[in-house]
Amino acid sequence: MHALRHFYASVLLDAGESVKALSEYLGHADPGFTLRTYTHLMPTSEDRTRRAVDKVLGSTPDGLATA
């Protein structure tokens, strides 16, 4: 069950869901607990920037993301 919750949290954080919303979905009373538990899963600023640019410009013809 722990692995499933961890996977669920990682998917939502990667998709840009807020820690507050994720905290509610997981049944945590304190978003700080969620943040401390799942911080290592949050995309870095570099990852978010790359995805934003890729979304606007698309990826390269060979399917690799631009970076």
Protein backbone atom coordinates (compact mmCIF):
# COMPACT_ATOMS: atom_id res chain seq x y z
CA MET A 1 0.00 0.00 0.00
CA HIS A 2 2.87 2.38 0.81
CA ALA A 3 4.36 1.93 -2.66
CA LEU A 4 1.01 2.69 -4.29
CA ARG A 5 0.57 5.89 -2.26
CA HIS A 6 4.14 6.91 -3.11
CA PHE A 7 3.51 6.27 -6.82
CA TYR A 8 0.23 8.23 -6.67
CA ALA A 9 1.95 11.17 -4.99
CA SER A 10 4.83 11.14 -7.47
CA VAL A 11 2.49 11.15 -10.48
CA LEU A 12 0.45 14.06 -9.12
CA LEU A 13 3.47 16.12 -8.11
CA ASP A 14 5.09 15.54 -11.50
CA ALA A 15 1.86 16.71 -13.15
CA GLY A 16 2.05 19.94 -11.15
CA GLU A 17 -0.57 19.26 -8.48
CA SER A 18 -0.20 21.45 -5.41
CA VAL A 19 1.08 20.05 -2.14
CA LYS A 20 -2.07 21.32 -0.40
CA ALA A 21 -4.35 19.38 -2.77
CA LEU A 22 -2.15 16.28 -2.59
CA SER A 23 -2.26 16.49 1.19
CA GLU A 24 -6.06 16.44 1.07
CA TYR A 25 -6.12 13.53 -1.41
CA LEU A 26 -3.81 11.49 0.83
CA GLY A 27 -5.77 12.33 3.97
CA HIS A 28 -2.96 14.25 5.65
CA ALA A 29 -4.15 16.89 8.12
CA ASP A 30 -0.97 18.93 7.62
CA PRO A 31 0.36 19.84 4.14
CA GLY A 32 3.75 20.25 5.86
CA PHE A 33 3.79 16.53 6.56
CA THR A 34 3.07 15.82 2.89
CA LEU A 35 5.82 18.21 1.86
CA ARG A 36 8.36 16.64 4.21
CA THR A 37 7.40 13.14 3.08
CA TYR A 38 7.31 13.71 -0.67
CA THR A 39 9.65 16.66 -1.33
CA HIS A 40 12.19 14.40 -3.02
CA LEU A 41 9.57 13.57 -5.66
CA MET A 42 8.89 17.16 -6.67
CA PRO A 43 10.20 18.19 -10.08
CA THR A 44 13.12 20.57 -10.03
CA SER A 45 12.89 24.06 -11.43
CA GLU A 46 14.97 22.85 -14.37
CA ASP A 47 12.49 20.03 -15.06
CA ARG A 48 9.53 22.43 -14.95
CA THR A 49 11.30 24.87 -17.25
CA ARG A 50 12.20 22.16 -19.74
CA ARG A 51 8.61 20.85 -19.83
CA ALA A 52 7.21 24.37 -20.29
CA VAL A 53 9.51 25.05 -23.24
CA ASP A 54 8.86 21.60 -24.74
CA LYS A 55 5.12 22.20 -24.46
CA VAL A 56 5.38 25.43 -26.44
CA LEU A 57 7.99 24.37 -28.97
CA GLY A 58 7.43 20.63 -29.03
CA SER A 59 10.15 18.07 -28.78
CA THR A 60 12.82 17.38 -31.35
CA PRO A 61 11.93 15.28 -34.43
CA ASP A 62 13.65 12.19 -33.01
CA GLY A 63 11.31 12.31 -30.00
CA LEU A 64 13.91 13.40 -27.47
CA ALA A 65 13.03 16.27 -25.21
CA THR A 66 14.98 19.46 -25.77
CA ALA A 67 17.46 20.38 -23.09
